[in-house]
Amino acid sequence: MRVLTLFVLLVFGCTLLGCSTRLASPKPVPASTLVDSDGVKFSLDEYKGTVLLVDVWAHWCAPCKKALPTIQAIHEDYLDDPRVVVLGVHGDPNGAAASEVLREKNVTFRQVLDGGPALAKELGVSGYPTFFVVSADGQIVHQKVGASGGLSRSLRSAIKEELAELSG
């Protein structure tokens, strides 16, 4: 009975606190060529060897905008740690509107604006915001849809877990 109670508390606790989900079957990140908001071409493969946090968002999505300061804080906390990178992917074709939101929220982490919708589709995004943690070997290992309470805690926990794997 204790095991069942613990299991129920864990499941409902993660639902309420917004725990990220460790994927049972990790999947590789898309190998697409992307262009960031500065016009620089790159590929997600370039981040192999690091833990990558990807925030897929849209400028018209209130929870997305609310989550941006949390993601920015994570970015700032790991700014001096080359093992962690934060990337934003705007999942709507209106890059100008996204740029305005980024300015308003003082977001400084790298963004994919043009090509974001295609990447969101390749990642299998079903709702906004969606967060992915990618392992150092380029596998999507954690996914979280929505910006419910506990967002910072769940993403930081997933990052720390992947850093432990990287160090281990």
N, C-alpha and C. Protein backbone atom coordinates (compact mmCIF):
# COMPACT_ATOMS: atom_id res chain seq x y z
N MET A 1 0.81 -1.20 0.00
CA MET A 1 0.00 0.00 0.00
C MET A 1 0.86 1.27 0.00
N ARG A 2 1.96 1.23 0.76
CA ARG A 2 2.85 2.39 0.81
C ARG A 2 3.44 2.71 -0.57
N VAL A 3 3.80 1.67 -1.29
CA VAL A 3 4.38 1.85 -2.62
C VAL A 3 3.36 2.50 -3.56
N LEU A 4 2.12 2.04 -3.50
CA LEU A 4 1.06 2.61 -4.32
C LEU A 4 0.83 4.08 -3.97
N THR A 5 0.79 4.39 -2.68
CA THR A 5 0.59 5.77 -2.23
C THR A 5 1.73 6.65 -2.71
N LEU A 6 2.96 6.17 -2.58
CA LEU A 6 4.13 6.92 -3.03
C LEU A 6 4.07 7.16 -4.54
N PHE A 7 3.69 6.13 -5.28
CA PHE A 7 3.57 6.26 -6.73
C PHE A 7 2.53 7.32 -7.10
N VAL A 8 1.37 7.27 -6.48
CA VAL A 8 0.30 8.24 -6.77
C VAL A 8 0.76 9.64 -6.42
N LEU A 9 1.41 9.84 -5.29
CA LEU A 9 1.91 11.16 -4.91
C LEU A 9 2.95 11.66 -5.90
N LEU A 10 3.82 10.78 -6.35
CA LEU A 10 4.84 11.16 -7.32
C LEU A 10 4.22 11.58 -8.64
N VAL A 11 3.28 10.80 -9.15
CA VAL A 11 2.64 11.11 -10.42
C VAL A 11 1.88 12.42 -10.34
N PHE A 12 1.03 12.57 -9.32
CA PHE A 12 0.25 13.80 -9.20
C PHE A 12 1.13 14.99 -8.83
N GLY A 13 2.16 14.76 -8.03
CA GLY A 13 3.09 15.84 -7.69
C GLY A 13 3.79 16.38 -8.91
N CYS A 14 4.25 15.49 -9.78
CA CYS A 14 4.91 15.94 -11.01
C CYS A 14 3.94 16.64 -11.94
N THR A 15 2.71 16.19 -11.96
CA THR A 15 1.71 16.86 -12.79
C THR A 15 1.47 18.28 -12.29
N LEU A 16 1.32 18.42 -10.99
CA LEU A 16 1.04 19.74 -10.43
C LEU A 16 2.26 20.65 -10.45
N LEU A 17 3.45 20.08 -10.24
CA LEU A 17 4.66 20.89 -10.18
C LEU A 17 5.32 21.08 -11.53
N GLY A 18 4.85 20.37 -12.54
CA GLY A 18 5.40 20.56 -13.88
C GLY A 18 6.72 19.87 -14.12
N CYS A 19 6.89 18.67 -13.60
CA CYS A 19 8.13 17.93 -13.83
C CYS A 19 8.30 17.65 -15.33
N SER A 20 9.53 17.65 -15.77
CA SER A 20 9.74 17.27 -17.16
C SER A 20 9.67 15.75 -17.25
N THR A 21 9.41 15.26 -18.41
CA THR A 21 9.29 13.83 -18.62
C THR A 21 10.55 13.32 -19.27
N ARG A 22 11.17 12.35 -18.64
CA ARG A 22 12.32 11.69 -19.26
C ARG A 22 11.74 10.72 -20.28
N LEU A 23 12.16 10.86 -21.51
CA LEU A 23 11.62 10.02 -22.58
C LEU A 23 12.13 8.59 -22.44
N ALA A 24 11.23 7.64 -22.57
CA ALA A 24 11.60 6.23 -22.49
C ALA A 24 12.51 5.85 -23.66
N SER A 25 12.24 6.45 -24.80
CA SER A 25 13.06 6.20 -25.99
C SER A 25 13.58 7.54 -26.51
N PRO A 26 14.80 7.91 -26.10
CA PRO A 26 15.37 9.16 -26.59
C PRO A 26 15.39 9.17 -28.12
N LYS A 27 15.30 10.36 -28.68
CA LYS A 27 15.32 10.48 -30.13
C LYS A 27 16.34 11.54 -30.53
N PRO A 28 16.99 11.37 -31.67
CA PRO A 28 18.01 12.34 -32.08
C PRO A 28 17.39 13.68 -32.46
N VAL A 29 18.14 14.74 -32.22
CA VAL A 29 17.67 16.05 -32.65
C VAL A 29 17.74 16.11 -34.17
N PRO A 30 16.86 16.90 -34.79
CA PRO A 30 16.91 17.03 -36.25
C PRO A 30 18.26 17.61 -36.70
N ALA A 31 18.70 17.18 -37.85
CA ALA A 31 20.00 17.63 -38.38
C ALA A 31 19.85 18.82 -39.32
N SER A 32 18.75 19.53 -39.25
CA SER A 32 18.48 20.66 -40.15
C SER A 32 19.51 21.77 -39.99
N THR A 33 19.72 22.50 -41.08
CA THR A 33 20.50 23.73 -41.01
C THR A 33 19.54 24.85 -40.59
N LEU A 34 19.92 25.58 -39.56
CA LEU A 34 19.08 26.64 -39.00
C LEU A 34 19.78 27.98 -39.17
N VAL A 35 19.01 29.04 -39.00
CA VAL A 35 19.56 30.40 -39.04
C VAL A 35 19.08 31.11 -37.79
N ASP A 36 20.03 31.64 -37.01
CA ASP A 36 19.63 32.34 -35.79
C ASP A 36 19.22 33.77 -36.08
N SER A 37 18.79 34.48 -35.06
CA SER A 37 18.26 35.84 -35.24
C SER A 37 19.33 36.83 -35.70
N ASP A 38 20.61 36.44 -35.62
CA ASP A 38 21.70 37.28 -36.13
C ASP A 38 22.09 36.91 -37.56
N GLY A 39 21.36 35.94 -38.15
CA GLY A 39 21.65 35.52 -39.52
C GLY A 39 22.73 34.48 -39.64
N VAL A 40 23.17 33.90 -38.52
CA VAL A 40 24.24 32.91 -38.54
C VAL A 40 23.64 31.50 -38.73
N LYS A 41 24.17 30.78 -39.73
CA LYS A 41 23.72 29.41 -39.98
C LYS A 41 24.40 28.46 -39.00
N PHE A 42 23.62 27.47 -38.54
CA PHE A 42 24.17 26.46 -37.64
C PHE A 42 23.28 25.23 -37.67
N SER A 43 23.73 24.18 -37.00
CA SER A 43 22.97 22.94 -36.88
C SER A 43 22.96 22.54 -35.42
N LEU A 44 21.92 21.87 -35.01
CA LEU A 44 21.86 21.39 -33.62
C LEU A 44 22.97 20.39 -33.34
N ASP A 45 23.48 19.74 -34.38
CA ASP A 45 24.61 18.81 -34.21
C ASP A 45 25.84 19.51 -33.64
N GLU A 46 25.94 20.83 -33.86
CA GLU A 46 27.08 21.58 -33.34
C GLU A 46 27.11 21.59 -31.82
N TYR A 47 26.00 21.27 -31.20
CA TYR A 47 25.92 21.30 -29.74
C TYR A 47 26.25 19.95 -29.10
N LYS A 48 26.65 18.97 -29.89
CA LYS A 48 27.06 17.70 -29.30
C LYS A 48 28.21 17.97 -28.34
N GLY A 49 28.17 17.30 -27.21
CA GLY A 49 29.17 17.53 -26.18
C GLY A 49 28.67 18.49 -25.10
N THR A 50 27.50 19.09 -25.35
CA THR A 50 26.89 19.98 -24.36
C THR A 50 25.48 19.49 -24.05
N VAL A 51 24.94 19.99 -22.96
CA VAL A 51 23.53 19.76 -22.64
C VAL A 51 22.79 20.97 -23.20
N LEU A 52 21.79 20.71 -24.01
CA LEU A 52 21.07 21.77 -24.71
C LEU A 52 19.63 21.84 -24.20
N LEU A 53 19.23 23.02 -23.76
CA LEU A 53 17.84 23.28 -23.40
C LEU A 53 17.21 24.05 -24.54
N VAL A 54 16.15 23.49 -25.12
CA VAL A 54 15.45 24.12 -26.24
C VAL A 54 14.06 24.55 -25.77
N ASP A 55 13.76 25.83 -25.95
CA ASP A 55 12.45 26.40 -25.61
C ASP A 55 11.74 26.72 -26.92
N VAL A 56 10.69 25.97 -27.25
CA VAL A 56 9.90 26.23 -28.45
C VAL A 56 8.68 27.04 -28.01
N TRP A 57 8.57 28.25 -28.54
CA TRP A 57 7.57 29.20 -28.07
C TRP A 57 6.95 29.96 -29.23
N ALA A 58 5.95 30.77 -28.93
CA ALA A 58 5.32 31.63 -29.94
C ALA A 58 4.99 32.98 -29.30
N HIS A 59 5.08 34.02 -30.09
CA HIS A 59 4.89 35.39 -29.57
C HIS A 59 3.47 35.65 -29.08
N TRP A 60 2.49 34.92 -29.58
CA TRP A 60 1.09 35.13 -29.21
C TRP A 60 0.67 34.26 -28.02
N CYS A 61 1.57 33.44 -27.52
CA CYS A 61 1.29 32.48 -26.45
C CYS A 61 1.62 33.09 -25.09
N ALA A 62 0.59 33.37 -24.28
CA ALA A 62 0.81 33.99 -22.97
C ALA A 62 1.70 33.14 -22.06
N PRO A 63 1.48 31.81 -21.94
CA PRO A 63 2.38 31.02 -21.10
C PRO A 63 3.83 31.04 -21.61
N CYS A 64 4.00 31.13 -22.92
CA CYS A 64 5.35 31.20 -23.49
C CYS A 64 6.05 32.47 -23.02
N LYS A 65 5.34 33.58 -23.13
CA LYS A 65 5.93 34.86 -22.72
C LYS A 65 6.21 34.88 -21.23
N LYS A 66 5.33 34.27 -20.46
CA LYS A 66 5.52 34.20 -19.01
C LYS A 66 6.75 33.36 -18.67
N ALA A 67 7.03 32.33 -19.47
CA ALA A 67 8.15 31.43 -19.21
C ALA A 67 9.50 32.02 -19.63
N LEU A 68 9.51 32.98 -20.53
CA LEU A 68 10.78 33.51 -21.04
C LEU A 68 11.72 34.00 -19.94
N PRO A 69 11.26 34.74 -18.92
CA PRO A 69 12.20 35.14 -17.86
C PRO A 69 12.80 33.95 -17.10
N THR A 70 12.04 32.89 -16.94
CA THR A 70 12.56 31.68 -16.28
C THR A 70 13.67 31.07 -17.12
N ILE A 71 13.45 30.98 -18.43
CA ILE A 71 14.46 30.40 -19.32
C ILE A 71 15.67 31.31 -19.39
N GLN A 72 15.43 32.62 -19.39
CA GLN A 72 16.54 33.57 -19.37
C GLN A 72 17.38 33.41 -18.10
N ALA A 73 16.73 33.20 -16.97
CA ALA A 73 17.45 33.01 -15.70
C ALA A 73 18.30 31.74 -15.75
N ILE A 74 17.76 30.67 -16.32
CA ILE A 74 18.54 29.44 -16.48
C ILE A 74 19.75 29.72 -17.38
N HIS A 75 19.52 30.42 -18.47
CA HIS A 75 20.61 30.80 -19.38
C HIS A 75 21.70 31.57 -18.62
N GLU A 76 21.29 32.55 -17.84
CA GLU A 76 22.26 33.38 -17.11
C GLU A 76 23.02 32.55 -16.06
N ASP A 77 22.32 31.63 -15.41
CA ASP A 77 22.97 30.80 -14.40
C ASP A 77 24.04 29.89 -15.00
N TYR A 78 23.86 29.50 -16.25
CA TYR A 78 24.83 28.60 -16.90
C TYR A 78 25.71 29.33 -17.92
N LEU A 79 25.65 30.63 -17.94
CA LEU A 79 26.40 31.40 -18.94
C LEU A 79 27.89 31.10 -18.93
N ASP A 80 28.45 30.87 -17.75
CA ASP A 80 29.88 30.60 -17.64
C ASP A 80 30.21 29.11 -17.68
N ASP A 81 29.20 28.29 -17.93
CA ASP A 81 29.42 26.84 -18.01
C ASP A 81 29.24 26.41 -19.46
N PRO A 82 30.34 26.16 -20.17
CA PRO A 82 30.24 25.81 -21.60
C PRO A 82 29.56 24.46 -21.86
N ARG A 83 29.24 23.72 -20.80
CA ARG A 83 28.58 22.43 -20.97
C ARG A 83 27.08 22.56 -21.16
N VAL A 84 26.52 23.78 -20.95
CA VAL A 84 25.08 24.00 -21.05
C VAL A 84 24.80 25.15 -22.00
N VAL A 85 23.88 24.92 -22.93
CA VAL A 85 23.47 25.94 -23.90
C VAL A 85 21.95 26.03 -23.90
N VAL A 86 21.43 27.25 -24.00
CA VAL A 86 19.98 27.47 -24.09
C VAL A 86 19.68 28.04 -25.48
N LEU A 87 18.65 27.49 -26.12
CA LEU A 87 18.25 27.91 -27.46
C LEU A 87 16.75 28.11 -27.50
N GLY A 88 16.32 29.24 -28.02
CA GLY A 88 14.90 29.50 -28.24
C GLY A 88 14.54 29.24 -29.69
N VAL A 89 13.35 28.66 -29.89
CA VAL A 89 12.86 28.40 -31.25
C VAL A 89 11.46 28.98 -31.33
N HIS A 90 11.31 30.03 -32.14
CA HIS A 90 10.00 30.65 -32.31
C HIS A 90 9.22 29.82 -33.33
N GLY A 91 8.12 29.23 -32.90
CA GLY A 91 7.38 28.31 -33.73
C GLY A 91 6.34 28.94 -34.64
N ASP A 92 6.41 30.24 -34.85
CA ASP A 92 5.45 30.96 -35.69
C ASP A 92 6.26 31.71 -36.75
N PRO A 93 5.71 31.88 -37.95
CA PRO A 93 6.49 32.55 -39.00
C PRO A 93 6.68 34.06 -38.81
N ASN A 94 6.02 34.68 -37.84
CA ASN A 94 6.13 36.13 -37.65
C ASN A 94 7.33 36.47 -36.76
N GLY A 95 8.50 36.50 -37.37
CA GLY A 95 9.73 36.79 -36.64
C GLY A 95 9.80 38.19 -36.08
N ALA A 96 9.18 39.16 -36.74
CA ALA A 96 9.21 40.54 -36.24
C ALA A 96 8.48 40.65 -34.90
N ALA A 97 7.34 39.98 -34.78
CA ALA A 97 6.60 40.00 -33.51
C ALA A 97 7.41 39.31 -32.42
N ALA A 98 8.11 38.24 -32.77
CA ALA A 98 8.95 37.54 -31.80
C ALA A 98 10.07 38.44 -31.33
N SER A 99 10.70 39.15 -32.25
CA SER A 99 11.80 40.05 -31.88
C SER A 99 11.35 41.09 -30.87
N GLU A 100 10.15 41.60 -31.05
CA GLU A 100 9.60 42.60 -30.12
C GLU A 100 9.43 42.01 -28.72
N VAL A 101 8.89 40.80 -28.63
CA VAL A 101 8.71 40.14 -27.33
C VAL A 101 10.08 39.91 -26.68
N LEU A 102 11.05 39.47 -27.46
CA LEU A 102 12.39 39.22 -26.92
C LEU A 102 13.01 40.49 -26.35
N ARG A 103 12.79 41.62 -27.03
CA ARG A 103 13.29 42.91 -26.53
C ARG A 103 12.59 43.28 -25.23
N GLU A 104 11.26 43.15 -25.21
CA GLU A 104 10.48 43.50 -24.01
C GLU A 104 10.90 42.67 -22.80
N LYS A 105 11.21 41.40 -23.02
CA LYS A 105 11.55 40.48 -21.93
C LYS A 105 13.05 40.42 -21.65
N ASN A 106 13.84 41.21 -22.38
CA ASN A 106 15.30 41.23 -22.20
C ASN A 106 15.93 39.84 -22.35
N VAL A 107 15.50 39.13 -23.37
CA VAL A 107 16.01 37.78 -23.62
C VAL A 107 17.29 37.88 -24.43
N THR A 108 18.33 37.19 -23.96
CA THR A 108 19.63 37.27 -24.64
C THR A 108 20.11 35.93 -25.17
N PHE A 109 19.40 34.82 -24.88
CA PHE A 109 19.88 33.54 -25.39
C PHE A 109 19.55 33.41 -26.87
N ARG A 110 20.31 32.59 -27.56
CA ARG A 110 20.21 32.42 -29.02
C ARG A 110 18.80 32.01 -29.41
N GLN A 111 18.33 32.58 -30.54
CA GLN A 111 16.97 32.34 -31.02
C GLN A 111 16.98 31.92 -32.49
N VAL A 112 16.09 30.99 -32.82
CA VAL A 112 15.80 30.65 -34.21
C VAL A 112 14.44 31.26 -34.50
N LEU A 113 14.40 32.24 -35.38
CA LEU A 113 13.12 32.87 -35.74
C LEU A 113 12.66 32.38 -37.10
N ASP A 114 13.47 32.58 -38.12
CA ASP A 114 13.15 32.06 -39.45
C ASP A 114 13.49 30.57 -39.45
N GLY A 115 12.57 29.77 -39.86
CA GLY A 115 12.79 28.33 -39.85
C GLY A 115 12.31 27.67 -38.57
N GLY A 116 11.89 28.47 -37.61
CA GLY A 116 11.40 27.93 -36.35
C GLY A 116 10.19 27.01 -36.51
N PRO A 117 9.20 27.41 -37.35
CA PRO A 117 8.04 26.52 -37.52
C PRO A 117 8.42 25.14 -38.06
N ALA A 118 9.35 25.11 -39.00
CA ALA A 118 9.77 23.82 -39.56
C ALA A 118 10.47 22.97 -38.50
N LEU A 119 11.32 23.61 -37.70
CA LEU A 119 12.02 22.88 -36.64
C LEU A 119 11.03 22.40 -35.59
N ALA A 120 10.06 23.23 -35.23
CA ALA A 120 9.05 22.82 -34.25
C ALA A 120 8.31 21.58 -34.75
N LYS A 121 8.00 21.56 -36.04
CA LYS A 121 7.32 20.40 -36.62
C LYS A 121 8.22 19.17 -36.57
N GLU A 122 9.50 19.34 -36.91
CA GLU A 122 10.45 18.22 -36.87
C GLU A 122 10.61 17.67 -35.46
N LEU A 123 10.52 18.56 -34.47
CA LEU A 123 10.64 18.14 -33.08
C LEU A 123 9.36 17.47 -32.57
N GLY A 124 8.26 17.60 -33.31
CA GLY A 124 7.01 17.00 -32.90
C GLY A 124 6.26 17.81 -31.86
N VAL A 125 6.42 19.12 -31.91
CA VAL A 125 5.76 20.00 -30.93
C VAL A 125 4.25 19.95 -31.15
N SER A 126 3.53 19.71 -30.06
CA SER A 126 2.07 19.64 -30.13
C SER A 126 1.40 20.80 -29.40
N GLY A 127 2.16 21.59 -28.68
CA GLY A 127 1.61 22.73 -27.96
C GLY A 127 2.74 23.65 -27.52
N TYR A 128 2.37 24.87 -27.20
CA TYR A 128 3.35 25.88 -26.79
C TYR A 128 3.13 26.27 -25.35
N PRO A 129 4.20 26.53 -24.62
CA PRO A 129 5.59 26.24 -24.97
C PRO A 129 5.89 24.75 -24.79
N THR A 130 6.92 24.30 -25.48
CA THR A 130 7.45 22.96 -25.29
C THR A 130 8.95 23.10 -25.05
N PHE A 131 9.41 22.38 -24.07
CA PHE A 131 10.82 22.43 -23.69
C PHE A 131 11.44 21.05 -23.90
N PHE A 132 12.66 21.06 -24.43
CA PHE A 132 13.40 19.82 -24.63
C PHE A 132 14.76 19.96 -23.97
N VAL A 133 15.22 18.90 -23.35
CA VAL A 133 16.60 18.83 -22.90
C VAL A 133 17.26 17.76 -23.75
N VAL A 134 18.37 18.16 -24.37
CA VAL A 134 19.10 17.29 -25.29
C VAL A 134 20.41 16.90 -24.62
N SER A 135 20.68 15.61 -24.62
CA SER A 135 21.90 15.10 -23.99
C SER A 135 23.13 15.49 -24.81
N ALA A 136 24.29 15.29 -24.21
CA ALA A 136 25.55 15.63 -24.87
C ALA A 136 25.79 14.82 -26.14
N ASP A 137 25.12 13.68 -26.26
CA ASP A 137 25.28 12.89 -27.49
C ASP A 137 24.20 13.18 -28.52
N GLY A 138 23.46 14.29 -28.34
CA GLY A 138 22.50 14.74 -29.35
C GLY A 138 21.16 14.06 -29.32
N GLN A 139 20.80 13.47 -28.20
CA GLN A 139 19.51 12.79 -28.07
C GLN A 139 18.55 13.62 -27.21
N ILE A 140 17.31 13.77 -27.68
CA ILE A 140 16.29 14.42 -26.86
C ILE A 140 15.91 13.43 -25.77
N VAL A 141 16.18 13.81 -24.52
CA VAL A 141 15.98 12.88 -23.41
C VAL A 141 14.89 13.34 -22.44
N HIS A 142 14.57 14.63 -22.44
CA HIS A 142 13.51 15.17 -21.60
C HIS A 142 12.61 16.06 -22.45
N GLN A 143 11.33 16.04 -22.14
CA GLN A 143 10.37 16.91 -22.83
C GLN A 143 9.33 17.37 -21.84
N LYS A 144 8.98 18.64 -21.93
CA LYS A 144 7.92 19.19 -21.09
C LYS A 144 7.06 20.11 -21.94
N VAL A 145 5.76 19.89 -21.91
CA VAL A 145 4.82 20.74 -22.64
C VAL A 145 4.10 21.60 -21.60
N GLY A 146 4.09 22.91 -21.84
CA GLY A 146 3.42 23.83 -20.92
C GLY A 146 4.38 24.44 -19.94
N ALA A 147 3.93 25.53 -19.34
CA ALA A 147 4.77 26.29 -18.41
C ALA A 147 4.15 26.33 -17.02
N SER A 148 3.61 25.20 -16.59
CA SER A 148 2.96 25.14 -15.29
C SER A 148 3.96 25.34 -14.17
N GLY A 149 3.44 25.49 -12.96
CA GLY A 149 4.29 25.70 -11.80
C GLY A 149 5.41 24.69 -11.73
N GLY A 150 6.52 25.10 -11.19
CA GLY A 150 7.66 24.21 -11.07
C GLY A 150 8.51 24.11 -12.33
N LEU A 151 8.28 25.01 -13.30
CA LEU A 151 9.02 24.96 -14.56
C LEU A 151 10.52 25.03 -14.33
N SER A 152 10.96 26.03 -13.58
CA SER A 152 12.38 26.19 -13.34
C SER A 152 12.97 24.96 -12.67
N ARG A 153 12.30 24.48 -11.65
CA ARG A 153 12.77 23.32 -10.91
C ARG A 153 12.89 22.09 -11.81
N SER A 154 11.88 21.83 -12.62
CA SER A 154 11.91 20.62 -13.45
C SER A 154 12.98 20.71 -14.54
N LEU A 155 13.13 21.88 -15.16
CA LEU A 155 14.15 22.01 -16.21
C LEU A 155 15.56 21.96 -15.62
N ARG A 156 15.75 22.63 -14.48
CA ARG A 156 17.07 22.59 -13.83
C ARG A 156 17.42 21.17 -13.39
N SER A 157 16.44 20.45 -12.91
CA SER A 157 16.68 19.06 -12.50
C SER A 157 17.09 18.21 -13.70
N ALA A 158 16.41 18.39 -14.83
CA ALA A 158 16.74 17.64 -16.04
C ALA A 158 18.15 18.00 -16.53
N ILE A 159 18.49 19.28 -16.47
CA ILE A 159 19.84 19.71 -16.88
C ILE A 159 20.89 19.09 -15.97
N LYS A 160 20.66 19.14 -14.66
CA LYS A 160 21.62 18.58 -13.71
C LYS A 160 21.78 17.07 -13.93
N GLU A 161 20.68 16.40 -14.22
CA GLU A 161 20.76 14.97 -14.48
C GLU A 161 21.64 14.69 -15.69
N GLU A 162 21.49 15.49 -16.73
CA GLU A 162 22.30 15.30 -17.93
C GLU A 162 23.75 15.70 -17.70
N LEU A 163 23.98 16.72 -16.88
CA LEU A 163 25.35 17.09 -16.55
C LEU A 163 26.05 15.98 -15.77
N ALA A 164 25.29 15.33 -14.88
CA ALA A 164 25.86 14.19 -14.13
C ALA A 164 26.25 13.07 -15.09
N GLU A 165 25.41 12.83 -16.10
CA GLU A 165 25.72 11.81 -17.12
C GLU A 165 26.99 12.20 -17.88
N LEU A 166 27.10 13.48 -18.19
CA LEU A 166 28.23 13.99 -18.94
C LEU A 166 29.52 13.85 -18.14
N SER A 167 29.43 14.10 -16.85
CA SER A 167 30.60 14.03 -15.97
C SER A 167 30.94 12.61 -15.56
N GLY A 168 29.88 11.77 -15.54
CA GLY A 168 30.01 10.43 -14.98
C GLY A 168 30.79 9.50 -15.78
